[in-house]
Amino acid sequence: MNKNIFAHDEWKRSEHMAVRECVGYYLFTHQIMEVTGPDACRFLDYMYPNNIANLAVGRDRYTTMLNDDGEIIDDVVIMRLEEEKYWVSTLYGTQADDWFYFHSEDYDVDASEITDEWHMFAVQGPKSKDVMNSILEGNVDDLKFFMHKWDKLGEAEVLVNRGGFTGEKFGYEVYCTADDADAVQDAIDAAVRAAGGKEVTEFQVFAWTLPTEAGFYYMRDLGHTNPFEVGLEKNINWDKDFVGKAALEKVRENGPAREMVGFEVCDECEDFYITSKQYGGPGEPVYIDGEEIGRVSKLVYSYVKNVNNGYILAKKDALHIGDKIKIHGYDCVITEKKWL
């Protein structure tokens, strides 16, 4: 990574800070699996380690998805639209479809990808609530985090979900049909600009810099890890059976071998080169006394703190907050995994 691709990119900075200080919106339609049928709840409760059985209609839940070895193969948000109808928001719809099919034999359930039928606009930032209230027939005043409802936006029927991938207290996702997408975007764009915000066009902003600043993961960060290694073990319901449970119980008993930690580059060099897994490859190795103890999973930039920040997947207890280390010859420091 070259420091200047983030720190001195004023376009990225303006889009990032629009979300932090005002409001920004972007089109980022995740792939959507629709799961229906009498056994939909029981099936999803087995497929995912979090508690899906008690998810109420109109509410959402974040959860990882595991393979038989207890490794994370996806992280998703599950929305219960009706008693027997769920949406699963994922970045890996084709893989999820195959995984669902492989495990669905004993369940009266139907799962299909409906991504092409829907678009999702994220409206995020301190003024996002005002923006939503200005364009909806109803309002979002009583919409709690991870709650969704149907509403009207102009002539379009939309599903409004309070949530997002930016770490903002106020953020909303607007789902509309593909046919209504242009009209919905025009309305959102006009309202956001009237509020002093802007469209976020940079993938590196809405998928990397904003989420990382809030301590969130992109799925590439989670590959070949288990929930204990990345701090997601609280999202597990141990009182039920789920895919990967036996392997994960062994991790719980023995403790994780690795952990994800935060770090910042504090070297004054303007042009440094530290590779990270998000660009492909294994990421820059991290050494302590000549021993490799981890790899750089992510390295981006916090526009709020004005530091190059990211994650290291390291041997458990090898690194601690405040430790000063060298990565590829550059001075770095271990920090919390949050920069807000």
Protein backbone atom coordinates (compact mmCIF):
# COMPACT_ATOMS: atom_id res chain seq x y z
CA MET A 1 0.00 0.00 0.00
CA ASN A 2 1.18 3.51 -0.79
CA LYS A 3 0.09 5.95 1.91
CA ASN A 4 -0.91 8.60 -0.62
CA ILE A 5 -3.68 6.54 -2.24
CA PHE A 6 -5.81 7.34 0.80
CA ALA A 7 -4.29 10.18 2.81
CA HIS A 8 -3.90 12.58 -0.11
CA ASP A 9 -6.99 11.58 -2.09
CA GLU A 10 -9.32 14.50 -1.40
CA TRP A 11 -12.21 12.87 -3.30
CA LYS A 12 -12.14 9.81 -1.04
CA ARG A 13 -11.78 12.06 1.99
CA SER A 14 -14.79 14.18 1.00
CA GLU A 15 -17.03 11.15 0.47
CA HIS A 16 -15.91 9.49 3.70
CA MET A 17 -16.38 12.64 5.78
CA ALA A 18 -19.77 13.36 4.20
CA VAL A 19 -21.00 10.19 5.92
CA ARG A 20 -19.29 11.02 9.21
CA GLU A 21 -20.33 14.68 9.38
CA CYS A 22 -23.53 14.94 7.31
CA VAL A 23 -25.02 12.25 5.09
CA GLY A 24 -23.94 10.13 2.16
CA TYR A 25 -25.59 7.45 0.07
CA TYR A 26 -24.42 4.67 -2.22
CA LEU A 27 -25.77 1.78 -4.24
CA PHE A 28 -24.34 -1.47 -2.91
CA THR A 29 -26.82 -4.28 -3.47
CA HIS A 30 -25.69 -7.38 -1.64
CA GLN A 31 -26.81 -10.69 -3.04
CA ILE A 32 -30.12 -11.75 -1.53
CA MET A 33 -31.26 -15.28 -0.79
CA GLU A 34 -34.99 -15.66 -0.15
CA VAL A 35 -35.84 -18.57 2.13
CA THR A 36 -39.46 -19.65 2.51
CA GLY A 37 -41.53 -22.58 3.71
CA PRO A 38 -42.85 -24.21 6.90
CA ASP A 39 -39.32 -25.18 8.02
CA ALA A 40 -37.61 -21.92 7.02
CA CYS A 41 -37.00 -20.87 10.62
CA ARG A 42 -35.77 -24.29 11.75
CA PHE A 43 -33.54 -24.60 8.69
CA LEU A 44 -31.86 -21.20 9.13
CA ASP A 45 -31.44 -21.85 12.84
CA TYR A 46 -29.38 -24.92 11.91
CA MET A 47 -27.43 -23.21 9.13
CA TYR A 48 -26.27 -20.28 11.29
CA PRO A 49 -24.78 -20.26 14.82
CA ASN A 50 -26.66 -17.18 16.03
CA ASN A 51 -30.19 -17.55 17.40
CA ILE A 52 -32.59 -17.32 14.46
CA ALA A 53 -35.50 -19.14 16.13
CA ASN A 54 -36.45 -16.10 18.23
CA LEU A 55 -36.09 -13.53 15.44
CA ALA A 56 -39.36 -11.61 15.23
CA VAL A 57 -41.04 -10.55 12.01
CA GLY A 58 -39.74 -7.11 11.08
CA ARG A 59 -36.34 -7.63 12.73
CA ASP A 60 -32.84 -8.51 11.47
CA ARG A 61 -29.92 -10.43 12.91
CA TYR A 62 -26.22 -10.52 12.08
CA THR A 63 -24.52 -13.91 12.09
CA THR A 64 -21.58 -15.77 10.69
CA MET A 65 -21.98 -18.97 8.65
CA LEU A 66 -19.57 -21.83 9.32
CA ASN A 67 -18.28 -24.89 7.52
CA ASP A 68 -17.96 -28.26 9.22
CA ASP A 69 -14.52 -27.25 10.55
CA GLY A 70 -16.00 -24.27 12.40
CA GLU A 71 -14.39 -21.77 10.00
CA ILE A 72 -16.27 -18.69 8.82
CA ILE A 73 -17.37 -19.01 5.20
CA ASP A 74 -19.77 -16.05 5.20
CA ASP A 75 -21.21 -13.35 7.42
CA VAL A 76 -24.74 -12.23 6.72
CA VAL A 77 -27.73 -10.27 7.93
CA ILE A 78 -30.96 -12.27 8.13
CA MET A 79 -34.24 -10.37 7.83
CA ARG A 80 -37.55 -11.98 8.82
CA LEU A 81 -40.13 -10.45 6.48
CA GLU A 82 -42.99 -12.84 7.31
CA GLU A 83 -43.56 -15.88 9.52
CA GLU A 84 -42.29 -18.20 6.78
CA LYS A 85 -40.26 -15.77 4.66
CA TYR A 86 -36.69 -14.58 5.24
CA TRP A 87 -34.11 -12.62 3.27
CA VAL A 88 -30.44 -13.43 3.75
CA SER A 89 -28.15 -10.57 2.72
CA THR A 90 -24.80 -11.99 1.60
CA LEU A 91 -21.90 -11.27 -0.72
CA TYR A 92 -21.74 -14.91 -1.80
CA GLY A 93 -25.20 -15.82 -3.06
CA THR A 94 -24.07 -18.60 -5.39
CA GLN A 95 -22.06 -20.30 -2.67
CA ALA A 96 -24.89 -19.85 -0.16
CA ASP A 97 -27.33 -21.38 -2.65
CA ASP A 98 -25.12 -24.47 -2.98
CA TRP A 99 -24.59 -24.72 0.80
CA PHE A 100 -28.32 -24.40 1.45
CA TYR A 101 -29.11 -27.09 -1.12
CA PHE A 102 -26.53 -29.43 0.40
CA HIS A 103 -28.16 -29.18 3.86
CA SER A 104 -31.87 -28.83 3.01
CA GLU A 105 -32.88 -32.43 2.39
CA ASP A 106 -34.58 -32.88 5.77
CA TYR A 107 -36.42 -29.54 5.68
CA ASP A 108 -39.60 -28.34 3.97
CA VAL A 109 -37.95 -25.19 2.69
CA ASP A 110 -37.28 -23.35 -0.56
CA ALA A 111 -34.28 -21.10 -1.13
CA SER A 112 -33.58 -19.01 -4.21
CA GLU A 113 -31.42 -16.05 -5.13
CA ILE A 114 -33.46 -12.93 -5.94
CA THR A 115 -30.63 -10.42 -6.28
CA ASP A 116 -31.56 -9.38 -9.82
CA GLU A 117 -35.02 -8.32 -8.67
CA TRP A 118 -33.86 -5.80 -6.04
CA HIS A 119 -31.56 -2.82 -5.58
CA MET A 120 -30.34 -1.54 -2.22
CA PHE A 121 -29.34 2.06 -1.50
CA ALA A 122 -27.54 2.80 1.78
CA VAL A 123 -28.24 6.23 3.29
CA GLN A 124 -25.79 6.83 6.14
CA GLY A 125 -24.75 9.60 8.51
CA PRO A 126 -26.03 12.04 11.16
CA LYS A 127 -28.62 13.60 8.80
CA SER A 128 -29.81 10.33 7.28
CA LYS A 129 -32.92 10.20 9.46
CA ASP A 130 -33.97 13.66 8.25
CA VAL A 131 -33.33 12.62 4.65
CA MET A 132 -35.46 9.49 5.00
CA ASN A 133 -38.31 11.36 6.65
CA SER A 134 -38.27 13.91 3.82
CA ILE A 135 -38.80 11.33 1.07
CA LEU A 136 -40.95 8.60 2.63
CA GLU A 137 -44.74 8.64 2.82
CA GLY A 138 -44.37 7.54 6.45
CA ASN A 139 -41.34 8.11 8.65
CA VAL A 140 -38.52 6.27 10.40
CA ASP A 141 -38.96 7.89 13.82
CA ASP A 142 -39.79 4.60 15.55
CA LEU A 143 -37.51 2.37 13.49
CA LYS A 144 -34.95 0.80 15.83
CA PHE A 145 -31.59 -0.61 14.78
CA PHE A 146 -31.95 -3.87 12.82
CA MET A 147 -35.66 -3.28 12.28
CA HIS A 148 -37.32 -2.99 8.87
CA LYS A 149 -40.70 -1.98 7.46
CA TRP A 150 -42.44 -1.40 4.14
CA ASP A 151 -43.13 2.21 3.10
CA LYS A 152 -43.78 4.33 0.02
CA LEU A 153 -41.17 6.49 -1.67
CA GLY A 154 -42.98 8.40 -4.40
CA GLU A 155 -44.82 5.75 -6.41
CA ALA A 156 -42.42 2.99 -5.34
CA GLU A 157 -43.00 0.52 -2.53
CA VAL A 158 -39.73 0.15 -0.63
CA LEU A 159 -38.40 -1.90 2.25
CA VAL A 160 -36.58 0.38 4.70
CA ASN A 161 -34.12 -1.23 7.09
CA ARG A 162 -32.29 0.61 9.84
CA GLY A 163 -28.71 -0.61 9.63
CA GLY A 164 -25.59 -0.27 7.56
CA PHE A 165 -21.89 -0.96 7.21
CA THR A 166 -20.49 2.40 8.34
CA GLY A 167 -20.79 2.37 12.13
CA GLU A 168 -23.04 5.42 12.11
CA LYS A 169 -25.75 5.71 14.77
CA PHE A 170 -28.23 6.66 12.06
CA GLY A 171 -28.15 4.70 8.83
CA TYR A 172 -30.78 3.15 6.58
CA GLU A 173 -30.96 0.68 3.73
CA VAL A 174 -33.63 1.18 1.08
CA TYR A 175 -34.62 -1.89 -0.95
CA CYS A 176 -36.62 -1.32 -4.13
CA THR A 177 -37.41 -3.31 -7.25
CA ALA A 178 -35.04 -3.01 -10.19
CA ASP A 179 -37.76 -1.24 -12.18
CA ASP A 180 -38.09 1.46 -9.50
CA ALA A 181 -34.35 1.92 -8.91
CA ASP A 182 -33.82 5.01 -11.08
CA ALA A 183 -36.72 6.92 -9.55
CA VAL A 184 -35.74 5.92 -6.02
CA GLN A 185 -32.13 6.98 -6.59
CA ASP A 186 -33.20 10.33 -8.02
CA ALA A 187 -35.30 11.02 -4.92
CA ILE A 188 -32.53 9.96 -2.53
CA ASP A 189 -29.89 11.91 -4.44
CA ALA A 190 -31.93 15.12 -4.39
CA ALA A 191 -32.70 14.83 -0.67
CA VAL A 192 -29.11 14.00 0.28
CA ARG A 193 -27.73 16.93 -1.69
CA ALA A 194 -30.36 19.26 -0.22
CA ALA A 195 -29.12 18.22 3.23
CA GLY A 196 -25.51 19.07 2.28
CA GLY A 197 -24.38 15.50 1.62
CA LYS A 198 -23.27 13.60 -1.45
CA GLU A 199 -23.22 10.27 -3.25
CA VAL A 200 -20.38 7.96 -2.20
CA THR A 201 -18.93 6.54 -5.41
CA GLU A 202 -15.66 5.01 -4.17
CA PHE A 203 -15.81 1.29 -3.33
CA GLN A 204 -12.72 1.73 -1.15
CA VAL A 205 -14.70 4.21 0.97
CA PHE A 206 -17.99 2.39 1.53
CA ALA A 207 -16.48 -1.11 1.72
CA TRP A 208 -13.11 -0.41 3.37
CA THR A 209 -12.38 2.94 5.06
CA LEU A 210 -15.78 3.56 6.66
CA PRO A 211 -16.32 0.01 8.00
CA THR A 212 -12.75 -0.46 9.20
CA GLU A 213 -12.89 2.82 11.11
CA ALA A 214 -15.89 1.38 12.97
CA GLY A 215 -14.16 -1.96 13.63
CA PHE A 216 -16.23 -3.92 11.10
CA TYR A 217 -14.99 -6.71 8.87
CA TYR A 218 -15.28 -7.32 5.15
CA MET A 219 -15.67 -11.03 4.41
CA ARG A 220 -12.15 -11.21 2.96
CA ASP A 221 -10.87 -10.33 6.46
CA LEU A 222 -12.64 -13.36 7.92
CA GLY A 223 -11.58 -16.10 5.51
CA HIS A 224 -10.02 -19.17 7.19
CA THR A 225 -10.73 -17.85 10.69
CA ASN A 226 -13.18 -18.97 13.35
CA PRO A 227 -15.47 -16.69 15.41
CA PHE A 228 -13.23 -16.83 18.49
CA GLU A 229 -10.24 -15.52 16.54
CA VAL A 230 -12.07 -12.43 15.30
CA GLY A 231 -14.16 -11.58 18.35
CA LEU A 232 -17.50 -12.82 17.03
CA GLU A 233 -18.04 -15.64 19.50
CA LYS A 234 -20.83 -13.70 21.26
CA ASN A 235 -23.01 -14.29 18.20
CA ILE A 236 -23.30 -18.00 18.95
CA ASN A 237 -26.23 -19.85 20.53
CA TRP A 238 -24.66 -22.89 22.16
CA ASP A 239 -28.05 -24.28 23.23
CA LYS A 240 -28.85 -25.57 19.74
CA ASP A 241 -27.27 -27.63 16.99
CA PHE A 242 -25.70 -25.84 14.02
CA VAL A 243 -23.28 -26.52 11.20
CA GLY A 244 -19.72 -26.51 12.55
CA LYS A 245 -20.69 -26.75 16.23
CA ALA A 246 -18.58 -29.81 17.09
CA ALA A 247 -15.41 -28.25 15.69
CA LEU A 248 -16.14 -24.90 17.34
CA GLU A 249 -16.69 -26.52 20.73
CA LYS A 250 -13.10 -27.75 20.58
CA VAL A 251 -11.91 -24.20 19.91
CA ARG A 252 -13.97 -22.97 22.87
CA GLU A 253 -12.43 -25.66 25.09
CA ASN A 254 -8.81 -25.19 23.97
CA GLY A 255 -8.87 -21.49 23.18
CA PRO A 256 -8.18 -19.86 19.79
CA ALA A 257 -4.69 -20.07 18.33
CA ARG A 258 -4.91 -16.58 16.76
CA GLU A 259 -6.60 -13.24 17.28
CA MET A 260 -7.34 -10.16 15.18
CA VAL A 261 -5.75 -6.97 16.50
CA GLY A 262 -5.77 -3.37 15.31
CA PHE A 263 -2.69 -1.41 14.28
CA GLU A 264 -1.59 1.94 12.91
CA VAL A 265 1.39 2.90 10.78
CA CYS A 266 3.19 5.68 12.64
CA ASP A 267 6.27 5.92 10.42
CA GLU A 268 6.81 9.43 9.06
CA CYS A 269 7.76 8.09 5.63
CA GLU A 270 5.24 9.37 3.08
CA ASP A 271 5.73 6.42 0.73
CA PHE A 272 5.65 3.08 2.51
CA TYR A 273 4.82 -0.34 1.17
CA ILE A 274 3.00 -2.85 3.37
CA THR A 275 0.96 -5.48 1.59
CA SER A 276 -2.40 -6.57 3.02
CA LYS A 277 -4.74 -9.46 2.34
CA GLN A 278 -7.52 -7.25 0.99
CA TYR A 279 -5.53 -6.74 -2.23
CA GLY A 280 -4.99 -10.48 -2.68
CA GLY A 281 -2.26 -12.73 -1.36
CA PRO A 282 -1.47 -13.62 2.25
CA GLY A 283 -0.62 -10.12 3.52
CA GLU A 284 2.65 -8.76 4.90
CA PRO A 285 4.29 -10.98 7.52
CA VAL A 286 4.78 -9.58 11.01
CA TYR A 287 7.88 -10.67 12.92
CA ILE A 288 8.84 -10.55 16.59
CA ASP A 289 12.48 -11.51 17.31
CA GLY A 290 12.72 -13.17 13.92
CA GLU A 291 9.58 -15.29 14.38
CA GLU A 292 6.58 -14.74 12.13
CA ILE A 293 3.65 -14.16 14.49
CA GLY A 294 1.01 -12.84 12.09
CA ARG A 295 -0.03 -11.33 8.76
CA VAL A 296 -1.56 -7.98 7.82
CA SER A 297 -5.20 -8.65 6.96
CA LYS A 298 -6.18 -5.08 6.12
CA LEU A 299 -4.54 -1.68 5.76
CA VAL A 300 -6.62 1.37 4.84
CA TYR A 301 -6.98 4.89 6.27
CA SER A 302 -9.01 6.58 8.99
CA TYR A 303 -10.04 10.03 7.79
CA VAL A 304 -11.42 10.81 11.25
CA LYS A 305 -8.09 10.09 12.99
CA ASN A 306 -5.86 10.82 9.97
CA VAL A 307 -3.87 7.62 10.39
CA ASN A 308 -3.19 4.56 8.26
CA ASN A 309 -5.05 1.82 10.12
CA GLY A 310 -5.92 -1.82 9.78
CA TYR A 311 -5.95 -5.34 11.21
CA ILE A 312 -3.35 -8.01 11.88
CA LEU A 313 -4.28 -11.68 12.31
CA ALA A 314 -1.67 -12.72 14.87
CA LYS A 315 -0.72 -15.57 17.16
CA LYS A 316 -2.84 -15.35 20.33
CA ASP A 317 -1.30 -13.02 22.95
CA ALA A 318 1.74 -12.24 20.81
CA LEU A 319 0.71 -8.59 20.41
CA HIS A 320 -0.82 -6.19 22.92
CA ILE A 321 -2.28 -2.68 22.70
CA GLY A 322 0.55 -0.16 22.81
CA ASP A 323 3.22 -2.53 21.47
CA LYS A 324 5.54 -0.85 18.97
CA ILE A 325 6.60 -3.10 16.11
CA LYS A 326 8.18 -2.97 12.67
CA ILE A 327 6.29 -4.18 9.60
CA HIS A 328 8.39 -4.37 6.45
CA GLY A 329 10.78 -1.95 8.14
CA TYR A 330 8.14 0.68 9.03
CA ASP A 331 7.17 1.78 12.53
CA CYS A 332 3.73 0.62 13.66
CA VAL A 333 1.78 0.41 16.90
CA ILE A 334 -0.89 -2.05 18.11
CA THR A 335 -4.25 -0.42 18.86
CA GLU A 336 -7.90 -1.16 19.48
CA LYS A 337 -9.89 -2.23 16.40
CA LYS A 338 -11.95 0.94 16.30
CA TRP A 339 -11.12 4.50 15.31
CA LEU A 340 -14.33 6.42 16.06
